[in-house]
Amino acid sequence: MKSLYDILTLILDVVWFVMIAHIIMSWLISFQVLNTRQPLVAQIWYGLNGMLEPIYAPIRRFLPRTPGFDLAPLAAFIALIAIRIVLQNNAGLFYGY
């Protein structure tokens, strides 16, 4: 069971890293530090969007629409942190204590 706990924490860590990269990149694009007309930037940006859209789309259905500001990444990030906390607090179940 410890291996299941390790796999779940690895998946959550990877998703956390991808979300942080997406959030930082969205800020850099919004402040025109990065330009999506550059092929490498566009490729990374659309790749991150493709990976995270299945997470963001269901959240967007429940959140109010705010023009110019997307709350889905914030809600997903808070949910990810909450899942990590619950998993860490129940780690004893995976270790058999």
PDB file of N, CA and C in Angstrom:
ATOM      1  N   MET A   1       0.805  -1.198   0.000  1.00  0.00           N
ATOM      2  CA  MET A   1       0.000   0.000   0.000  1.00  0.00           C
ATOM      3  C   MET A   1       0.851   1.268   0.000  1.00  0.00           C
ATOM      4  N   LYS A   2       2.078   1.156   0.523  1.00  0.00           N
ATOM      5  CA  LYS A   2       2.945   2.324   0.520  1.00  0.00           C
ATOM      6  C   LYS A   2       3.235   2.766  -0.909  1.00  0.00           C
ATOM      7  N   SER A   3       3.350   1.806  -1.816  1.00  0.00           N
ATOM      8  CA  SER A   3       3.623   2.166  -3.206  1.00  0.00           C
ATOM      9  C   SER A   3       2.447   2.939  -3.813  1.00  0.00           C
ATOM     10  N   LEU A   4       1.217   2.630  -3.420  1.00  0.00           N
ATOM     11  CA  LEU A   4       0.057   3.383  -3.892  1.00  0.00           C
ATOM     12  C   LEU A   4       0.119   4.824  -3.386  1.00  0.00           C
ATOM     13  N   TYR A   5       0.480   4.993  -2.133  1.00  0.00           N
ATOM     14  CA  TYR A   5       0.642   6.331  -1.565  1.00  0.00           C
ATOM     15  C   TYR A   5       1.725   7.108  -2.323  1.00  0.00           C
ATOM     16  N   ASP A   6       2.849   6.451  -2.596  1.00  0.00           N
ATOM     17  CA  ASP A   6       3.942   7.108  -3.317  1.00  0.00           C
ATOM     18  C   ASP A   6       3.526   7.493  -4.735  1.00  0.00           C
ATOM     19  N   ILE A   7       2.778   6.635  -5.407  1.00  0.00           N
ATOM     20  CA  ILE A   7       2.311   6.935  -6.764  1.00  0.00           C
ATOM     21  C   ILE A   7       1.348   8.113  -6.744  1.00  0.00           C
ATOM     22  N   LEU A   8       0.425   8.138  -5.786  1.00  0.00           N
ATOM     23  CA  LEU A   8      -0.522   9.245  -5.695  1.00  0.00           C
ATOM     24  C   LEU A   8       0.183  10.563  -5.404  1.00  0.00           C
ATOM     25  N   THR A   9       1.154  10.545  -4.506  1.00  0.00           N
ATOM     26  CA  THR A   9       1.880  11.783  -4.217  1.00  0.00           C
ATOM     27  C   THR A   9       2.721  12.227  -5.412  1.00  0.00           C
ATOM     28  N   LEU A  10       3.270  11.280  -6.168  1.00  0.00           N
ATOM     29  CA  LEU A  10       4.015  11.635  -7.374  1.00  0.00           C
ATOM     30  C   LEU A  10       3.110  12.293  -8.402  1.00  0.00           C
ATOM     31  N   ILE A  11       1.938  11.737  -8.617  1.00  0.00           N
ATOM     32  CA  ILE A  11       0.988  12.315  -9.572  1.00  0.00           C
ATOM     33  C   ILE A  11       0.577  13.717  -9.135  1.00  0.00           C
ATOM     34  N   LEU A  12       0.276  13.881  -7.848  1.00  0.00           N
ATOM     35  CA  LEU A  12      -0.106  15.203  -7.349  1.00  0.00           C
ATOM     36  C   LEU A  12       1.043  16.200  -7.465  1.00  0.00           C
ATOM     37  N   ASP A  13       2.273  15.758  -7.257  1.00  0.00           N
ATOM     38  CA  ASP A  13       3.428  16.646  -7.406  1.00  0.00           C
ATOM     39  C   ASP A  13       3.625  17.083  -8.851  1.00  0.00           C
ATOM     40  N   VAL A  14       3.437  16.177  -9.789  1.00  0.00           N
ATOM     41  CA  VAL A  14       3.575  16.516 -11.208  1.00  0.00           C
ATOM     42  C   VAL A  14       2.484  17.500 -11.623  1.00  0.00           C
ATOM     43  N   VAL A  15       1.248  17.241 -11.208  1.00  0.00           N
ATOM     44  CA  VAL A  15       0.147  18.155 -11.535  1.00  0.00           C
ATOM     45  C   VAL A  15       0.400  19.520 -10.906  1.00  0.00           C
ATOM     46  N   TRP A  16       0.908  19.541  -9.671  1.00  0.00           N
ATOM     47  CA  TRP A  16       1.234  20.801  -9.002  1.00  0.00           C
ATOM     48  C   TRP A  16       2.269  21.586  -9.807  1.00  0.00           C
ATOM     49  N   PHE A  17       3.328  20.917 -10.258  1.00  0.00           N
ATOM     50  CA  PHE A  17       4.373  21.579 -11.032  1.00  0.00           C
ATOM     51  C   PHE A  17       3.821  22.127 -12.350  1.00  0.00           C
ATOM     52  N   VAL A  18       3.009  21.339 -13.043  1.00  0.00           N
ATOM     53  CA  VAL A  18       2.438  21.783 -14.320  1.00  0.00           C
ATOM     54  C   VAL A  18       1.513  22.978 -14.095  1.00  0.00           C
ATOM     55  N   MET A  19       0.730  22.960 -13.027  1.00  0.00           N
ATOM     56  CA  MET A  19      -0.157  24.088 -12.744  1.00  0.00           C
ATOM     57  C   MET A  19       0.636  25.354 -12.410  1.00  0.00           C
ATOM     58  N   ILE A  20       1.704  25.221 -11.637  1.00  0.00           N
ATOM     59  CA  ILE A  20       2.549  26.383 -11.327  1.00  0.00           C
ATOM     60  C   ILE A  20       3.154  26.949 -12.613  1.00  0.00           C
ATOM     61  N   ALA A  21       3.655  26.083 -13.487  1.00  0.00           N
ATOM     62  CA  ALA A  21       4.224  26.540 -14.755  1.00  0.00           C
ATOM     63  C   ALA A  21       3.167  27.247 -15.596  1.00  0.00           C
ATOM     64  N   HIS A  22       1.957  26.705 -15.624  1.00  0.00           N
ATOM     65  CA  HIS A  22       0.870  27.309 -16.402  1.00  0.00           C
ATOM     66  C   HIS A  22       0.476  28.673 -15.838  1.00  0.00           C
ATOM     67  N   ILE A  23       0.394  28.778 -14.526  1.00  0.00           N
ATOM     68  CA  ILE A  23       0.012  30.044 -13.899  1.00  0.00           C
ATOM     69  C   ILE A  23       1.076  31.112 -14.153  1.00  0.00           C
ATOM     70  N   ILE A  24       2.338  30.762 -13.972  1.00  0.00           N
ATOM     71  CA  ILE A  24       3.415  31.727 -14.204  1.00  0.00           C
ATOM     72  C   ILE A  24       3.465  32.128 -15.671  1.00  0.00           C
ATOM     73  N   MET A  25       3.298  31.163 -16.551  1.00  0.00           N
ATOM     74  CA  MET A  25       3.336  31.477 -17.974  1.00  0.00           C
ATOM     75  C   MET A  25       2.155  32.367 -18.373  1.00  0.00           C
ATOM     76  N   SER A  26       0.989  32.150 -17.776  1.00  0.00           N
ATOM     77  CA  SER A  26      -0.161  32.999 -18.104  1.00  0.00           C
ATOM     78  C   SER A  26       0.090  34.436 -17.655  1.00  0.00           C
ATOM     79  N   TRP A  27       0.743  34.616 -16.503  1.00  0.00           N
ATOM     80  CA  TRP A  27       1.091  35.967 -16.065  1.00  0.00           C
ATOM     81  C   TRP A  27       2.082  36.614 -17.032  1.00  0.00           C
ATOM     82  N   LEU A  28       3.086  35.859 -17.447  1.00  0.00           N
ATOM     83  CA  LEU A  28       4.086  36.412 -18.366  1.00  0.00           C
ATOM     84  C   LEU A  28       3.471  36.763 -19.712  1.00  0.00           C
ATOM     85  N   ILE A  29       2.509  35.992 -20.163  1.00  0.00           N
ATOM     86  CA  ILE A  29       1.821  36.306 -21.424  1.00  0.00           C
ATOM     87  C   ILE A  29       0.923  37.519 -21.231  1.00  0.00           C
ATOM     88  N   SER A  30       0.236  37.606 -20.101  1.00  0.00           N
ATOM     89  CA  SER A  30      -0.651  38.744 -19.842  1.00  0.00           C
ATOM     90  C   SER A  30       0.116  40.061 -19.762  1.00  0.00           C
ATOM     91  N   PHE A  31       1.302  40.041 -19.177  1.00  0.00           N
ATOM     92  CA  PHE A  31       2.115  41.245 -19.068  1.00  0.00           C
ATOM     93  C   PHE A  31       3.046  41.435 -20.271  1.00  0.00           C
ATOM     94  N   GLN A  32       2.819  40.654 -21.317  1.00  0.00           N
ATOM     95  CA  GLN A  32       3.532  40.739 -22.592  1.00  0.00           C
ATOM     96  C   GLN A  32       5.039  40.575 -22.453  1.00  0.00           C
ATOM     97  N   VAL A  33       5.447  39.757 -21.496  1.00  0.00           N
ATOM     98  CA  VAL A  33       6.848  39.376 -21.394  1.00  0.00           C
ATOM     99  C   VAL A  33       7.122  38.261 -22.400  1.00  0.00           C
ATOM    100  N   LEU A  34       6.136  37.352 -22.530  1.00  0.00           N
ATOM    101  CA  LEU A  34       6.199  36.289 -23.529  1.00  0.00           C
ATOM    102  C   LEU A  34       5.176  36.561 -24.611  1.00  0.00           C
ATOM    103  N   ASN A  35       5.503  36.126 -25.825  1.00  0.00           N
ATOM    104  CA  ASN A  35       4.618  36.331 -26.957  1.00  0.00           C
ATOM    105  C   ASN A  35       4.242  34.967 -27.527  1.00  0.00           C
ATOM    106  N   THR A  36       2.960  34.694 -27.652  1.00  0.00           N
ATOM    107  CA  THR A  36       2.527  33.386 -28.156  1.00  0.00           C
ATOM    108  C   THR A  36       2.727  33.248 -29.658  1.00  0.00           C
ATOM    109  N   ARG A  37       3.199  34.292 -30.306  1.00  0.00           N
ATOM    110  CA  ARG A  37       3.519  34.167 -31.738  1.00  0.00           C
ATOM    111  C   ARG A  37       4.865  33.475 -31.959  1.00  0.00           C
ATOM    112  N   GLN A  38       5.666  33.390 -30.897  1.00  0.00           N
ATOM    113  CA  GLN A  38       6.915  32.641 -30.995  1.00  0.00           C
ATOM    114  C   GLN A  38       6.579  31.160 -30.954  1.00  0.00           C
ATOM    115  N   PRO A  39       7.133  30.366 -31.863  1.00  0.00           N
ATOM    116  CA  PRO A  39       6.736  28.956 -31.954  1.00  0.00           C
ATOM    117  C   PRO A  39       6.959  28.148 -30.673  1.00  0.00           C
ATOM    118  N   LEU A  40       8.082  28.329 -30.007  1.00  0.00           N
ATOM    119  CA  LEU A  40       8.358  27.560 -28.798  1.00  0.00           C
ATOM    120  C   LEU A  40       7.399  27.939 -27.667  1.00  0.00           C
ATOM    121  N   VAL A  41       7.169  29.230 -27.501  1.00  0.00           N
ATOM    122  CA  VAL A  41       6.254  29.699 -26.464  1.00  0.00           C
ATOM    123  C   VAL A  41       4.847  29.191 -26.743  1.00  0.00           C
ATOM    124  N   ALA A  42       4.409  29.279 -27.986  1.00  0.00           N
ATOM    125  CA  ALA A  42       3.070  28.805 -28.357  1.00  0.00           C
ATOM    126  C   ALA A  42       2.939  27.307 -28.132  1.00  0.00           C
ATOM    127  N   GLN A  43       3.966  26.556 -28.477  1.00  0.00           N
ATOM    128  CA  GLN A  43       3.922  25.107 -28.303  1.00  0.00           C
ATOM    129  C   GLN A  43       3.818  24.735 -26.819  1.00  0.00           C
ATOM    130  N   ILE A  44       4.601  25.378 -25.981  1.00  0.00           N
ATOM    131  CA  ILE A  44       4.541  25.103 -24.542  1.00  0.00           C
ATOM    132  C   ILE A  44       3.188  25.538 -23.981  1.00  0.00           C
ATOM    133  N   TRP A  45       2.722  26.722 -24.376  1.00  0.00           N
ATOM    134  CA  TRP A  45       1.463  27.250 -23.857  1.00  0.00           C
ATOM    135  C   TRP A  45       0.278  26.350 -24.226  1.00  0.00           C
ATOM    136  N   TYR A  46       0.199  25.958 -25.495  1.00  0.00           N
ATOM    137  CA  TYR A  46      -0.924  25.108 -25.912  1.00  0.00           C
ATOM    138  C   TYR A  46      -0.792  23.693 -25.345  1.00  0.00           C
ATOM    139  N   GLY A  47       0.421  23.233 -25.115  1.00  0.00           N
ATOM    140  CA  GLY A  47       0.617  21.939 -24.482  1.00  0.00           C
ATOM    141  C   GLY A  47       0.129  21.945 -23.038  1.00  0.00           C
ATOM    142  N   LEU A  48       0.483  23.010 -22.298  1.00  0.00           N
ATOM    143  CA  LEU A  48       0.015  23.136 -20.915  1.00  0.00           C
ATOM    144  C   LEU A  48      -1.504  23.284 -20.862  1.00  0.00           C
ATOM    145  N   ASN A  49      -2.051  24.081 -21.784  1.00  0.00           N
ATOM    146  CA  ASN A  49      -3.509  24.226 -21.827  1.00  0.00           C
ATOM    147  C   ASN A  49      -4.187  22.894 -22.123  1.00  0.00           C
ATOM    148  N   GLY A  50      -3.616  22.120 -23.018  1.00  0.00           N
ATOM    149  CA  GLY A  50      -4.190  20.818 -23.350  1.00  0.00           C
ATOM    150  C   GLY A  50      -4.164  19.846 -22.184  1.00  0.00           C
ATOM    151  N   MET A  51      -3.111  19.916 -21.381  1.00  0.00           N
ATOM    152  CA  MET A  51      -3.022  19.028 -20.220  1.00  0.00           C
ATOM    153  C   MET A  51      -3.972  19.450 -19.098  1.00  0.00           C
ATOM    154  N   LEU A  52      -4.162  20.745 -18.923  1.00  0.00           N
ATOM    155  CA  LEU A  52      -4.925  21.222 -17.778  1.00  0.00           C
ATOM    156  C   LEU A  52      -6.397  21.490 -18.078  1.00  0.00           C
ATOM    157  N   GLU A  53      -6.765  21.560 -19.333  1.00  0.00           N
ATOM    158  CA  GLU A  53      -8.161  21.834 -19.673  1.00  0.00           C
ATOM    159  C   GLU A  53      -9.129  20.775 -19.143  1.00  0.00           C
ATOM    160  N   PRO A  54      -8.785  19.478 -19.140  1.00  0.00           N
ATOM    161  CA  PRO A  54      -9.711  18.506 -18.532  1.00  0.00           C
ATOM    162  C   PRO A  54      -9.941  18.735 -17.042  1.00  0.00           C
ATOM    163  N   ILE A  55      -9.006  19.396 -16.377  1.00  0.00           N
ATOM    164  CA  ILE A  55      -9.186  19.723 -14.964  1.00  0.00           C
ATOM    165  C   ILE A  55      -9.998  21.009 -14.823  1.00  0.00           C
ATOM    166  N   TYR A  56      -9.708  22.000 -15.666  1.00  0.00           N
ATOM    167  CA  TYR A  56     -10.350  23.303 -15.544  1.00  0.00           C
ATOM    168  C   TYR A  56     -11.788  23.323 -16.052  1.00  0.00           C
ATOM    169  N   ALA A  57     -12.100  22.559 -17.093  1.00  0.00           N
ATOM    170  CA  ALA A  57     -13.426  22.627 -17.718  1.00  0.00           C
ATOM    171  C   ALA A  57     -14.570  22.312 -16.752  1.00  0.00           C
ATOM    172  N   PRO A  58     -14.506  21.239 -15.962  1.00  0.00           N
ATOM    173  CA  PRO A  58     -15.614  21.002 -15.027  1.00  0.00           C
ATOM    174  C   PRO A  58     -15.730  22.084 -13.949  1.00  0.00           C
ATOM    175  N   ILE A  59     -14.612  22.667 -13.565  1.00  0.00           N
ATOM    176  CA  ILE A  59     -14.630  23.714 -12.547  1.00  0.00           C
ATOM    177  C   ILE A  59     -15.280  24.975 -13.103  1.00  0.00           C
ATOM    178  N   ARG A  60     -15.016  25.283 -14.372  1.00  0.00           N
ATOM    179  CA  ARG A  60     -15.584  26.483 -14.988  1.00  0.00           C
ATOM    180  C   ARG A  60     -17.108  26.432 -15.056  1.00  0.00           C
ATOM    181  N   ARG A  61     -17.678  25.236 -15.112  1.00  0.00           N
ATOM    182  CA  ARG A  61     -19.137  25.117 -15.160  1.00  0.00           C
ATOM    183  C   ARG A  61     -19.784  25.597 -13.872  1.00  0.00           C
ATOM    184  N   PHE A  62     -19.084  25.475 -12.744  1.00  0.00           N
ATOM    185  CA  PHE A  62     -19.655  25.841 -11.451  1.00  0.00           C
ATOM    186  C   PHE A  62     -19.301  27.250 -11.003  1.00  0.00           C
ATOM    187  N   LEU A  63     -18.223  27.796 -11.520  1.00  0.00           N
ATOM    188  CA  LEU A  63     -17.787  29.123 -11.086  1.00  0.00           C
ATOM    189  C   LEU A  63     -18.511  30.213 -11.866  1.00  0.00           C
ATOM    190  N   PRO A  64     -18.694  31.368 -11.258  1.00  0.00           N
ATOM    191  CA  PRO A  64     -19.310  32.474 -12.005  1.00  0.00           C
ATOM    192  C   PRO A  64     -18.352  32.987 -13.076  1.00  0.00           C
ATOM    193  N   ARG A  65     -18.928  33.474 -14.152  1.00  0.00           N
ATOM    194  CA  ARG A  65     -18.096  34.012 -15.237  1.00  0.00           C
ATOM    195  C   ARG A  65     -17.614  35.407 -14.853  1.00  0.00           C
ATOM    196  N   THR A  66     -16.319  35.588 -14.909  1.00  0.00           N
ATOM    197  CA  THR A  66     -15.711  36.883 -14.630  1.00  0.00           C
ATOM    198  C   THR A  66     -14.925  37.287 -15.864  1.00  0.00           C
ATOM    199  N   PRO A  67     -15.331  38.354 -16.524  1.00  0.00           N
ATOM    200  CA  PRO A  67     -14.644  38.748 -17.764  1.00  0.00           C
ATOM    201  C   PRO A  67     -13.193  39.153 -17.499  1.00  0.00           C
ATOM    202  N   GLY A  68     -12.297  38.568 -18.255  1.00  0.00           N
ATOM    203  CA  GLY A  68     -10.885  38.909 -18.154  1.00  0.00           C
ATOM    204  C   GLY A  68     -10.143  38.245 -17.017  1.00  0.00           C
ATOM    205  N   PHE A  69     -10.843  37.426 -16.228  1.00  0.00           N
ATOM    206  CA  PHE A  69     -10.190  36.788 -15.087  1.00  0.00           C
ATOM    207  C   PHE A  69     -10.763  35.390 -14.930  1.00  0.00           C
ATOM    208  N   ASP A  70      -9.910  34.390 -15.047  1.00  0.00           N
ATOM    209  CA  ASP A  70     -10.334  32.993 -14.958  1.00  0.00           C
ATOM    210  C   ASP A  70     -10.051  32.472 -13.552  1.00  0.00           C
ATOM    211  N   LEU A  71     -11.096  32.075 -12.846  1.00  0.00           N
ATOM    212  CA  LEU A  71     -10.945  31.576 -11.483  1.00  0.00           C
ATOM    213  C   LEU A  71     -10.692  30.073 -11.422  1.00  0.00           C
ATOM    214  N   ALA A  72     -10.806  29.370 -12.537  1.00  0.00           N
ATOM    215  CA  ALA A  72     -10.645  27.917 -12.543  1.00  0.00           C
ATOM    216  C   ALA A  72      -9.253  27.476 -12.087  1.00  0.00           C
ATOM    217  N   PRO A  73      -8.158  28.098 -12.543  1.00  0.00           N
ATOM    218  CA  PRO A  73      -6.843  27.666 -12.046  1.00  0.00           C
ATOM    219  C   PRO A  73      -6.695  27.846 -10.539  1.00  0.00           C
ATOM    220  N   LEU A  74      -7.233  28.920 -10.001  1.00  0.00           N
ATOM    221  CA  LEU A  74      -7.151  29.141  -8.559  1.00  0.00           C
ATOM    222  C   LEU A  74      -7.931  28.073  -7.797  1.00  0.00           C
ATOM    223  N   ALA A  75      -9.145  27.779  -8.257  1.00  0.00           N
ATOM    224  CA  ALA A  75      -9.963  26.763  -7.597  1.00  0.00           C
ATOM    225  C   ALA A  75      -9.309  25.384  -7.712  1.00  0.00           C
ATOM    226  N   ALA A  76      -8.744  25.070  -8.874  1.00  0.00           N
ATOM    227  CA  ALA A  76      -8.079  23.783  -9.061  1.00  0.00           C
ATOM    228  C   ALA A  76      -6.835  23.684  -8.187  1.00  0.00           C
ATOM    229  N   PHE A  77      -6.106  24.780  -8.063  1.00  0.00           N
ATOM    230  CA  PHE A  77      -4.897  24.782  -7.234  1.00  0.00           C
ATOM    231  C   PHE A  77      -5.253  24.580  -5.764  1.00  0.00           C
ATOM    232  N   ILE A  78      -6.302  25.238  -5.301  1.00  0.00           N
ATOM    233  CA  ILE A  78      -6.743  25.065  -3.911  1.00  0.00           C
ATOM    234  C   ILE A  78      -7.223  23.632  -3.689  1.00  0.00           C
ATOM    235  N   ALA A  79      -7.945  23.077  -4.645  1.00  0.00           N
ATOM    236  CA  ALA A  79      -8.412  21.687  -4.532  1.00  0.00           C
ATOM    237  C   ALA A  79      -7.233  20.719  -4.504  1.00  0.00           C
ATOM    238  N   LEU A  80      -6.216  20.983  -5.318  1.00  0.00           N
ATOM    239  CA  LEU A  80      -5.027  20.122  -5.334  1.00  0.00           C
ATOM    240  C   LEU A  80      -4.313  20.155  -3.987  1.00  0.00           C
ATOM    241  N   ILE A  81      -4.180  21.328  -3.413  1.00  0.00           N
ATOM    242  CA  ILE A  81      -3.542  21.441  -2.099  1.00  0.00           C
ATOM    243  C   ILE A  81      -4.373  20.722  -1.045  1.00  0.00           C
ATOM    244  N   ALA A  82      -5.702  20.846  -1.119  1.00  0.00           N
ATOM    245  CA  ALA A  82      -6.576  20.161  -0.165  1.00  0.00           C
ATOM    246  C   ALA A  82      -6.447  18.641  -0.291  1.00  0.00           C
ATOM    247  N   ILE A  83      -6.356  18.144  -1.506  1.00  0.00           N
ATOM    248  CA  ILE A  83      -6.192  16.701  -1.723  1.00  0.00           C
ATOM    249  C   ILE A  83      -4.859  16.228  -1.151  1.00  0.00           C
ATOM    250  N   ARG A  84      -3.812  17.013  -1.343  1.00  0.00           N
ATOM    251  CA  ARG A  84      -2.507  16.643  -0.781  1.00  0.00           C
ATOM    252  C   ARG A  84      -2.544  16.610   0.740  1.00  0.00           C
ATOM    253  N   ILE A  85      -3.226  17.561   1.351  1.00  0.00           N
ATOM    254  CA  ILE A  85      -3.328  17.592   2.813  1.00  0.00           C
ATOM    255  C   ILE A  85      -4.091  16.377   3.321  1.00  0.00           C
ATOM    256  N   VAL A  86      -5.210  16.060   2.678  1.00  0.00           N
ATOM    257  CA  VAL A  86      -5.998  14.892   3.089  1.00  0.00           C
ATOM    258  C   VAL A  86      -5.174  13.619   2.921  1.00  0.00           C
ATOM    259  N   LEU A  87      -4.436  13.514   1.830  1.00  0.00           N
ATOM    260  CA  LEU A  87      -3.610  12.330   1.597  1.00  0.00           C
ATOM    261  C   LEU A  87      -2.507  12.209   2.644  1.00  0.00           C
ATOM    262  N   GLN A  88      -1.868  13.319   2.978  1.00  0.00           N
ATOM    263  CA  GLN A  88      -0.809  13.283   3.983  1.00  0.00           C
ATOM    264  C   GLN A  88      -1.349  12.974   5.373  1.00  0.00           C
ATOM    265  N   ASN A  89      -2.518  13.509   5.701  1.00  0.00           N
ATOM    266  CA  ASN A  89      -3.094  13.247   7.012  1.00  0.00           C
ATOM    267  C   ASN A  89      -3.584  11.816   7.165  1.00  0.00           C
ATOM    268  N   ASN A  90      -3.842  11.140   6.070  1.00  0.00           N
ATOM    269  CA  ASN A  90      -4.289   9.755   6.110  1.00  0.00           C
ATOM    270  C   ASN A  90      -3.220   8.792   5.606  1.00  0.00           C
ATOM    271  N   ALA A  91      -1.969   9.200   5.671  1.00  0.00           N
ATOM    272  CA  ALA A  91      -0.874   8.351   5.201  1.00  0.00           C
ATOM    273  C   ALA A  91      -0.776   7.064   6.005  1.00  0.00           C
ATOM    274  N   GLY A  92      -1.199   7.093   7.260  1.00  0.00           N
ATOM    275  CA  GLY A  92      -1.152   5.900   8.097  1.00  0.00           C
ATOM    276  C   GLY A  92      -1.981   4.767   7.540  1.00  0.00           C
ATOM    277  N   LEU A  93      -3.043   5.079   6.817  1.00  0.00           N
ATOM    278  CA  LEU A  93      -3.864   4.035   6.201  1.00  0.00           C
ATOM    279  C   LEU A  93      -3.082   3.278   5.125  1.00  0.00           C
ATOM    280  N   PHE A  94      -2.165   3.972   4.468  1.00  0.00           N
ATOM    281  CA  PHE A  94      -1.373   3.334   3.427  1.00  0.00           C
ATOM    282  C   PHE A  94      -0.220   2.517   3.996  1.00  0.00           C
ATOM    283  N   TYR A  95       0.260   2.908   5.159  1.00  0.00           N
ATOM    284  CA  TYR A  95       1.376   2.207   5.771  1.00  0.00           C
ATOM    285  C   TYR A  95       0.936   1.047   6.660  1.00  0.00           C
ATOM    286  N   GLY A  96      -0.355   0.965   6.932  1.00  0.00           N
ATOM    287  CA  GLY A  96      -0.878  -0.142   7.723  1.00  0.00           C
ATOM    288  C   GLY A  96      -0.735   0.047   9.219  1.00  0.00           C
ATOM    289  N   TYR A  97      -0.643   1.293   9.672  1.00  0.00           N
ATOM    290  CA  TYR A  97      -0.530   1.536  11.118  1.00  0.00           C
ATOM    291  C   TYR A  97      -1.888   1.464  11.775  1.00  0.00           C
TER     292      TYR A  97
END
